[in-house]
Protein backbone atom coordinates (compact mmCIF):
# COMPACT_ATOMS: atom_id res chain seq x y z
CA MET A 1 -94.56 188.69 -30.21
CA TYR A 2 -93.46 188.53 -26.62
CA GLN A 3 -95.15 185.30 -26.12
CA VAL A 4 -93.71 183.69 -29.42
CA GLN A 5 -90.00 185.04 -28.51
CA LYS A 6 -90.40 183.65 -24.75
CA TYR A 7 -92.45 180.59 -24.78
CA GLU A 8 -92.78 177.33 -26.88
CA GLN A 9 -96.68 177.36 -26.06
CA VAL A 10 -98.75 180.12 -26.75
CA LEU A 11 -102.53 180.53 -26.20
CA VAL A 12 -104.39 181.70 -29.20
CA PRO A 13 -108.30 182.90 -28.78
CA GLU A 14 -110.80 181.57 -31.29
CA GLU A 15 -108.00 179.85 -33.49
CA GLY A 16 -106.75 183.25 -34.25
CA LYS A 17 -109.36 183.49 -36.64
CA ARG A 18 -110.71 187.19 -35.13
CA THR A 19 -109.93 189.95 -37.24
CA LEU A 20 -109.02 193.46 -36.01
CA SER A 21 -107.50 196.62 -37.46
CA LEU A 22 -103.57 197.52 -36.52
CA THR A 23 -101.90 200.72 -36.87
CA TYR A 24 -98.43 200.60 -37.30
CA VAL A 25 -96.72 203.57 -35.39
CA LYS A 26 -94.37 204.66 -38.05
CA ASP A 27 -97.53 205.13 -40.61
CA LEU A 28 -99.47 206.88 -37.65
CA VAL A 29 -96.29 209.62 -37.52
CA ASN A 30 -96.21 209.68 -41.42
CA VAL A 31 -100.01 210.63 -41.64
CA ILE A 32 -99.35 213.05 -38.76
CA LEU A 33 -96.63 214.90 -40.37
CA GLN A 34 -98.29 215.14 -43.74
CA SER A 35 -101.36 216.20 -42.33
CA LEU A 36 -99.72 219.40 -40.85
CA THR A 37 -98.96 220.37 -44.39
CA ILE A 38 -102.69 219.79 -45.93
CA SER A 39 -104.77 223.17 -45.38
CA GLU A 40 -107.23 222.98 -47.97
CA HIS A 41 -109.50 220.31 -46.24
CA ARG A 42 -110.36 219.54 -42.49
CA ASN A 43 -111.42 215.77 -42.49
CA ILE A 44 -111.12 213.04 -39.76
CA TYR A 45 -109.45 209.97 -40.69
CA THR A 46 -109.10 206.62 -39.43
CA VAL A 47 -105.45 205.88 -39.27
CA THR A 48 -105.18 202.14 -40.06
CA SER A 49 -102.41 200.69 -41.53
CA HIS A 50 -103.83 196.79 -41.66
CA PRO A 51 -107.52 197.17 -41.88
CA LEU A 52 -108.13 193.30 -41.28
CA VAL A 53 -105.47 191.34 -39.85
CA SER A 54 -105.69 187.92 -37.94
CA ILE A 55 -104.15 186.95 -34.43
CA ARG A 56 -103.21 183.98 -36.62
CA GLU A 57 -101.42 186.23 -39.28
CA ILE A 58 -99.64 188.19 -36.69
CA ILE A 59 -98.29 184.90 -34.97
CA LYS A 60 -97.57 183.08 -38.07
CA ALA A 61 -95.23 186.42 -39.05
CA THR A 62 -93.55 186.59 -36.01
CA VAL A 63 -92.79 182.59 -35.89
CA LYS A 64 -91.23 183.18 -39.22
CA ILE A 65 -89.09 186.24 -38.32
CA LEU A 66 -87.84 184.77 -35.19
CA ASN A 67 -87.53 181.41 -36.66
CA LYS A 68 -89.13 179.66 -33.79
CA LYS A 69 -91.10 176.73 -33.49
CA ILE A 70 -94.07 176.85 -31.17
CA GLU A 71 -97.04 175.00 -30.38
CA THR A 72 -100.46 177.11 -30.51
CA VAL A 73 -103.33 176.04 -28.02
CA ASN A 74 -106.91 177.19 -28.85
CA ALA A 75 -108.73 179.15 -26.52
CA PRO A 76 -112.78 179.39 -27.50
CA SER A 77 -114.28 182.62 -26.72
CA ASP A 78 -116.94 181.32 -24.22
CA PHE A 79 -113.94 179.35 -22.20
CA LEU A 80 -112.21 182.71 -21.94
CA MET A 81 -115.26 184.39 -20.90
CA ALA A 82 -116.14 181.44 -18.46
CA ASN A 83 -112.37 182.00 -16.82
CA GLU A 84 -113.25 185.87 -16.56
CA ILE A 85 -110.04 186.38 -19.36
CA LYS A 86 -110.65 190.20 -20.02
CA GLN A 87 -110.66 191.08 -23.57
CA TRP A 88 -107.58 193.25 -24.51
CA ALA A 89 -106.55 193.60 -21.34
CA ASP A 90 -105.70 190.11 -19.98
CA MET A 91 -105.33 188.94 -23.58
CA PRO A 92 -103.94 191.72 -25.70
CA LEU A 93 -105.28 191.96 -29.50
CA TRP A 94 -108.22 189.52 -28.25
CA LEU A 95 -111.79 191.15 -28.84
CA ASN A 96 -114.85 188.88 -28.46
CA SER A 97 -116.41 190.77 -31.84
CA ASP A 98 -115.27 192.34 -35.21
CA TYR A 99 -116.36 195.74 -34.04
CA TYR A 100 -112.94 197.26 -34.26
CA THR A 101 -112.05 197.17 -37.70
CA TYR A 102 -111.82 200.12 -39.72
CA SER A 103 -111.29 201.03 -43.56
CA ASN A 104 -108.23 203.15 -44.27
CA GLU A 105 -109.83 203.99 -48.05
CA LYS A 106 -110.35 207.62 -47.25
CA LEU A 107 -106.74 207.92 -45.93
CA LEU A 108 -105.25 206.05 -48.76
CA ASN A 109 -107.33 208.40 -51.30
CA ASP A 110 -106.66 211.54 -49.59
CA PHE A 111 -102.91 211.05 -48.66
CA ASP A 112 -99.87 210.30 -50.33
CA ILE A 113 -98.75 207.84 -48.16
CA SER A 114 -97.16 204.35 -48.58
CA ILE A 115 -98.17 201.84 -45.77
CA ILE A 116 -95.45 199.72 -44.52
CA ASP A 117 -96.36 195.94 -45.04
CA LEU A 118 -97.42 194.16 -42.28
CA LYS A 119 -94.34 191.63 -42.23
CA THR A 120 -91.94 194.71 -42.38
CA SER A 121 -93.96 196.49 -39.49
CA ILE A 122 -93.75 193.16 -37.32
CA LYS A 123 -89.96 192.85 -38.19
CA GLN A 124 -89.10 196.48 -37.23
CA THR A 125 -91.28 195.89 -33.89
CA ILE A 126 -89.34 192.72 -33.24
CA ASP A 127 -86.27 194.46 -33.71
CA TYR A 128 -87.15 197.05 -31.59
CA TYR A 129 -88.15 195.01 -28.54
CA ARG A 130 -84.97 192.70 -29.27
CA ASP A 131 -83.11 195.95 -28.75
CA LEU A 132 -84.76 196.22 -25.42
CA ASN A 133 -83.63 192.50 -24.43
CA TRP A 134 -87.48 191.48 -24.71
CA HIS A 135 -88.65 193.05 -21.32
CA GLN A 136 -91.78 191.44 -20.01
CA PRO A 137 -94.86 193.62 -21.04
CA ILE A 138 -96.62 195.27 -18.11
CA TYR A 139 -100.07 193.95 -19.76
CA GLY A 140 -101.85 190.79 -20.36
CA MET A 141 -102.19 187.55 -17.94
CA SER A 142 -99.53 186.26 -15.66
CA GLU A 143 -97.55 183.33 -16.76
CA ASP A 144 -99.13 181.21 -13.81
CA GLN A 145 -102.66 182.36 -15.33
CA LYS A 146 -101.87 181.12 -18.75
CA GLN A 147 -100.62 177.93 -17.49
CA LEU A 148 -103.60 177.38 -15.43
CA LEU A 149 -105.85 177.97 -18.68
CA LEU A 150 -103.69 175.69 -20.67
CA SER A 151 -104.16 172.87 -18.18
CA LYS A 152 -107.77 173.36 -18.44
CA LEU A 153 -108.14 173.16 -21.82
CA LYS A 154 -105.75 170.15 -22.02
CA ALA A 155 -107.77 168.25 -19.37
């Protein structure tokens, strides 16, 4: 979201197709609060709001909410690995696998919870960061490193 807000070009791993599971903090809080009232069973749950979400979906929703026009530049996983880009650390949300997708079926069956839809959770997150004046994240690659990768990709 920060990248879409601040820049006109966004480096997107694997065309944004790779999926991951997301948990919106308000859904997590609702599950925790509800779990405190359940005494008849003791189970372990994966609290996942959105089991299969792509980076492309996140960018698309963010662009629409922010009413921005950006250019996305594809970065294949082999290119990122060759340039020693660390998954999740240098490029948040990028994992070079689909290992981190989880079902929320058990959670939805056992809890009386309504998951906040992806668009609403993104909008609320954008509003939160807007209230903080979009301070620069402390994670991810630097803008200089991103520009170097963009120049290599466009060469």
